[in-house]
Structures are given as C-alpha cells and as structure tokens.
Amino acid sequence: MKDYSVKSGDSYVLVSYNDTDFHEVQNDETGEWEEVYDEYFKLDHVFVSKEARGKGLAKQMIREVVESIRADFPDTRITLAALPEDDKPIDQAGLVELYRSCGFEVR
C-alpha cells in the first residue's frame, strides 16, 4: 500500500493503515453474529520541529495527508489522537483546536 506519510525538513506526519480491527454485528435476517472489519487510516505521529512551529506547517502537512488519502479512499475513516508521547508535556487543547481546524471531530 502507498505510504501517505509526509515530511518537511525535521517535521513529519506518519500515517498507518489498519484493516484488522473488528466488531460483531447481528444479521437482521438470519440472527447470526458476523464480524465486521473496520478500515481506517491513523495519523500516528504529528511532529513539527521547534523552529518551524507557529507557521502553519502542521496544518499544511495534515491537510496534504488527508487530501492524498481522500483521493484514493474517499469513504475510509481517518483518525488521530491528541495524546502525549511518553512523559513529554503537550498543549492538548491547542492540538485539539489544530485538528478541528483540519476537519477532525472530537470523540
């Protein structure tokens, strides 16, 4: 599968594809339980170097990734999480606002 990750200098957005998560649903006609597999792309890491922050680079890279995925997979879900890596502090509210400005919804 094509790699949708992008890089600009020391900054990057890493993307993974997952088609192995599943849940079970009951078939309305037969009553049988069936496994339904969820396909999605996940923005695993969004990193912008300190010197490049505040210039719109993260938004630009995220939008590039989303547009590229949407061109090939228009109906496949794209996810991400505003979580710290290891014990590094983050501005979670700022990240949520950034991701919302790129079209993501908080869940």
Protein backbone atom coordinates (compact mmCIF):
# COMPACT_ATOMS: atom_id res chain seq x y z
CA MET A 1 0.00 0.00 0.00
CA LYS A 2 1.09 3.54 -0.72
CA ASP A 3 2.76 5.44 2.13
CA TYR A 4 0.74 8.58 2.86
CA SER A 5 3.22 9.98 5.38
CA VAL A 6 4.72 13.41 4.66
CA LYS A 7 7.93 15.09 5.73
CA SER A 8 9.14 18.67 5.62
CA GLY A 9 12.65 19.19 6.99
CA ASP A 10 12.68 17.73 10.51
CA SER A 11 8.86 17.82 10.72
CA TYR A 12 6.60 14.96 9.71
CA VAL A 13 3.20 13.27 9.81
CA LEU A 14 3.36 9.47 9.98
CA VAL A 15 0.34 7.51 8.75
CA SER A 16 -0.64 3.89 9.25
CA TYR A 17 -3.45 1.84 7.72
CA ASN A 18 -5.46 -0.64 9.74
CA ASP A 19 -7.94 -3.20 8.47
CA THR A 20 -7.72 -5.71 11.30
CA ASP A 21 -9.94 -4.11 13.95
CA PHE A 22 -13.36 -5.70 14.01
CA HIS A 23 -16.58 -5.83 15.94
CA GLU A 24 -19.53 -8.16 15.75
CA VAL A 25 -22.98 -7.26 14.49
CA GLN A 26 -26.09 -9.35 14.35
CA ASN A 27 -27.52 -10.02 10.90
CA ASP A 28 -31.14 -8.79 10.86
CA GLU A 29 -32.29 -11.55 8.52
CA THR A 30 -30.51 -14.61 9.93
CA GLY A 31 -29.90 -13.56 13.53
CA GLU A 32 -26.31 -14.79 13.15
CA TRP A 33 -23.41 -12.77 14.52
CA GLU A 34 -20.92 -11.59 11.91
CA GLU A 35 -17.51 -9.98 12.17
CA VAL A 36 -17.33 -6.55 10.56
CA TYR A 37 -13.85 -5.22 9.90
CA ASP A 38 -13.14 -1.53 10.33
CA GLU A 39 -10.75 0.03 7.85
CA TYR A 40 -9.13 3.29 8.76
CA PHE A 41 -6.04 5.39 8.39
CA LYS A 42 -4.45 6.79 11.52
CA LEU A 43 -2.18 9.79 11.79
CA ASP A 44 0.21 8.11 14.23
CA HIS A 45 2.62 10.96 14.84
CA VAL A 46 2.45 14.64 14.00
CA PHE A 47 5.73 16.36 14.81
CA VAL A 48 6.84 19.88 13.98
CA SER A 49 10.35 20.96 14.92
CA LYS A 50 10.56 23.81 17.44
CA GLU A 51 11.95 26.26 14.91
CA ALA A 52 9.09 25.55 12.46
CA ARG A 53 6.22 25.85 14.97
CA GLY A 54 3.61 28.58 14.71
CA LYS A 55 3.97 28.90 10.93
CA GLY A 56 1.10 26.65 9.82
CA LEU A 57 3.32 23.71 8.85
CA ALA A 58 1.39 21.11 10.87
CA LYS A 59 -1.90 22.20 9.33
CA GLN A 60 -0.37 22.16 5.85
CA MET A 61 1.07 18.65 6.28
CA ILE A 62 -2.12 17.26 7.84
CA ARG A 63 -4.25 18.68 5.04
CA GLU A 64 -1.84 17.23 2.45
CA VAL A 65 -2.10 13.79 4.06
CA VAL A 66 -5.90 13.93 4.29
CA GLU A 67 -6.29 15.12 0.69
CA SER A 68 -4.00 12.36 -0.55
CA ILE A 69 -5.86 9.65 1.38
CA ARG A 70 -9.27 11.02 0.33
CA ALA A 71 -8.21 10.97 -3.33
CA ASP A 72 -7.61 7.20 -3.13
CA PHE A 73 -10.03 6.20 -0.33
CA PRO A 74 -12.88 8.73 -0.23
CA ASP A 75 -15.03 6.80 2.27
CA THR A 76 -12.39 5.41 4.62
CA ARG A 77 -12.20 6.87 8.12
CA ILE A 78 -9.12 8.87 9.16
CA THR A 79 -8.31 9.11 12.87
CA LEU A 80 -5.74 10.61 15.20
CA ALA A 81 -5.31 11.28 18.90
CA ALA A 82 -4.06 14.34 20.77
CA LEU A 83 -2.01 12.37 23.27
CA PRO A 84 1.47 12.92 24.71
CA GLU A 85 4.33 10.68 23.70
CA ASP A 86 5.98 9.12 26.73
CA ASP A 87 6.12 11.75 29.50
CA LYS A 88 6.56 14.75 27.22
CA PRO A 89 4.17 17.61 28.01
CA ILE A 90 1.84 18.78 25.24
CA ASP A 91 -0.68 21.56 24.73
CA GLN A 92 -3.62 19.20 24.32
CA ALA A 93 -6.18 21.99 23.95
CA GLY A 94 -4.02 23.55 21.23
CA LEU A 95 -3.72 20.22 19.44
CA VAL A 96 -7.46 19.65 19.58
CA GLU A 97 -8.03 23.10 18.07
CA LEU A 98 -5.45 22.38 15.33
CA TYR A 99 -7.07 19.06 14.46
CA ARG A 100 -10.55 20.63 14.44
CA SER A 101 -9.28 23.31 12.04
CA CYS A 102 -8.20 20.45 9.75
CA GLY A 103 -11.71 18.99 9.74
CA PHE A 104 -11.43 16.37 12.50
CA GLU A 105 -14.12 15.86 15.14
CA VAL A 106 -13.53 15.24 18.84
CA ARG A 107 -14.84 11.89 20.07
